[in-house]
Protein backbone atom coordinates (compact mmCIF):
# COMPACT_ATOMS: atom_id res chain seq x y z
CA MET A 1 -9.79 -9.17 2.65
CA ASN A 2 -11.64 -12.74 3.77
CA TRP A 3 -13.93 -10.40 5.55
CA VAL A 4 -14.72 -8.90 2.27
CA ILE A 5 -15.20 -12.59 0.60
CA GLY A 6 -17.59 -12.81 3.41
CA LEU A 7 -19.70 -9.55 2.93
CA ALA A 8 -20.56 -11.05 -0.84
CA GLY A 9 -21.35 -14.12 0.67
CA VAL A 10 -23.82 -12.90 3.02
CA SER A 11 -24.57 -10.18 0.24
CA GLY A 12 -25.09 -13.19 -2.47
CA ALA A 13 -27.13 -14.81 0.14
CA MET A 14 -29.99 -11.15 0.81
CA ALA A 15 -30.34 -11.50 -3.43
CA VAL A 16 -31.25 -15.25 -3.61
CA ALA A 17 -34.02 -14.72 -0.34
CA ALA A 18 -34.97 -11.16 -1.83
CA GLY A 19 -35.60 -13.07 -5.10
CA ALA A 20 -37.50 -15.87 -3.86
CA PHE A 21 -40.04 -13.56 -1.59
CA GLY A 22 -40.21 -11.55 -4.68
CA ALA A 23 -41.19 -14.78 -7.09
CA HIS A 24 -43.07 -16.26 -3.90
CA GLY A 25 -44.38 -13.59 -1.30
CA ALA A 26 -44.51 -10.56 -2.95
CA SER A 27 -47.46 -8.61 -5.72
CA GLY A 28 -47.77 -6.07 -7.48
CA LYS A 29 -44.07 -3.44 -8.16
CA ALA A 30 -42.78 -5.27 -5.45
CA VAL A 31 -42.36 -8.62 -6.91
CA GLU A 32 -40.52 -5.97 -10.18
CA TRP A 33 -38.18 -4.08 -6.91
CA LEU A 34 -37.77 -7.34 -5.09
CA GLN A 35 -36.21 -9.08 -8.79
CA THR A 36 -34.20 -5.93 -9.90
CA GLY A 37 -32.54 -5.46 -6.43
CA GLY A 38 -31.86 -9.07 -6.20
CA THR A 39 -30.17 -9.79 -9.87
CA TYR A 40 -27.84 -6.28 -9.09
CA GLN A 41 -26.89 -7.27 -5.75
CA LEU A 42 -26.04 -11.10 -6.75
CA ILE A 43 -24.47 -10.05 -9.79
CA HIS A 44 -21.84 -8.09 -7.88
CA ALA A 45 -21.46 -10.09 -4.59
CA ALA A 46 -20.42 -12.39 -7.49
CA ALA A 47 -18.32 -9.87 -9.42
CA ALA A 48 -16.99 -8.63 -5.57
CA VAL A 49 -15.05 -12.06 -5.51
CA ALA A 50 -14.03 -12.51 -8.84
CA VAL A 51 -12.59 -9.39 -8.37
CA ILE A 52 -10.28 -10.01 -5.51
CA ALA A 53 -9.51 -13.93 -6.43
CA MET A 54 -7.96 -11.45 -9.98
CA LEU A 55 -6.47 -8.72 -8.21
CA ARG A 56 -5.77 -9.85 -5.12
CA GLU A 57 -5.08 -7.24 -2.29
CA ALA A 58 -5.60 -4.32 -5.13
CA GLY A 59 -9.14 -5.49 -5.46
CA ARG A 60 -10.46 -4.88 -2.02
CA ALA A 61 -11.62 -1.47 -2.55
CA PRO A 62 -13.23 -1.58 -5.75
CA ALA A 63 -14.74 -4.64 -4.42
CA LEU A 64 -16.49 -3.47 -1.47
CA THR A 65 -17.34 -0.41 -3.22
CA MET A 66 -19.59 -2.47 -5.85
CA LEU A 67 -20.73 -4.37 -2.81
CA VAL A 68 -21.84 -0.91 -0.60
CA GLY A 69 -23.40 0.05 -4.06
CA ALA A 70 -25.54 -3.51 -4.40
CA LEU A 71 -26.15 -2.91 -0.93
CA ILE A 72 -27.47 0.70 -1.11
CA PHE A 73 -28.95 0.06 -4.23
CA ALA A 74 -30.81 -3.21 -3.99
CA GLY A 75 -31.82 -2.01 -0.39
CA THR A 76 -33.50 0.87 -1.00
CA LEU A 77 -35.74 -0.97 -3.32
CA TYR A 78 -36.26 -3.72 -1.15
CA ALA A 79 -37.68 -1.23 1.56
CA MET A 80 -39.84 0.41 -0.54
CA ALA A 81 -41.06 -3.30 -1.76
CA LEU A 82 -41.58 -3.90 2.36
CA GLY A 83 -43.51 -0.87 3.09
CA ALA A 84 -41.04 1.93 2.69
CA PRO A 85 -41.74 5.50 1.53
CA ARG A 86 -41.50 6.19 -2.46
CA TRP A 87 -38.81 8.69 -1.89
CA PHE A 88 -36.39 6.11 -0.89
CA GLY A 89 -36.16 5.65 -4.71
CA ALA A 90 -34.48 8.67 -4.30
CA ILE A 91 -31.79 6.79 -2.83
CA THR A 92 -31.34 3.99 -5.49
CA PRO A 93 -29.14 6.61 -7.38
CA ILE A 94 -26.55 6.86 -5.09
CA GLY A 95 -25.99 2.62 -4.70
CA GLY A 96 -26.21 2.19 -8.53
CA ALA A 97 -23.09 5.42 -8.65
CA ALA A 98 -21.10 3.43 -6.68
CA MET A 99 -21.34 0.08 -8.53
CA ILE A 100 -20.60 2.04 -11.61
CA ALA A 101 -17.02 3.39 -9.40
CA GLY A 102 -16.30 -0.52 -8.81
CA TRP A 103 -16.74 -1.42 -12.58
CA LEU A 104 -14.61 1.56 -13.64
CA TRP A 105 -11.64 1.36 -10.60
CA VAL A 106 -10.92 -2.25 -11.54
CA ALA A 107 -10.63 -1.25 -15.59
CA TRP A 108 -8.29 1.52 -13.84
CA LEU A 109 -6.33 -1.68 -12.30
CA GLY A 110 -6.66 -3.10 -15.60
CA MET A 111 -5.39 -1.10 -17.55
CA ARG A 112 -2.79 0.01 -15.68
CA SER A 113 -0.88 -3.39 -15.03
């Protein structure tokens, strides 16, 4: 379980770095992509830590689902902000779907107990 918390920490750090770059080093549409990606990634990094803290071992899989989803979601936005082709935006919803799945998994675990 500690490696998932470590991954959440790295994810949170990436989100802060992306937000800072968006605020101080980017321009145009890249600013919006960096801010959106950073916000979602940071929220899901914190949520993953909270899920593990509250649900212990049962929370590891939904927390990891949230983190992977946030990485795909934010990562594609970051990539486009750094010059990747706009078609990367077609991958972004896959990450959003994984984040939603993680939240629904947490809801299911909560209602089950």
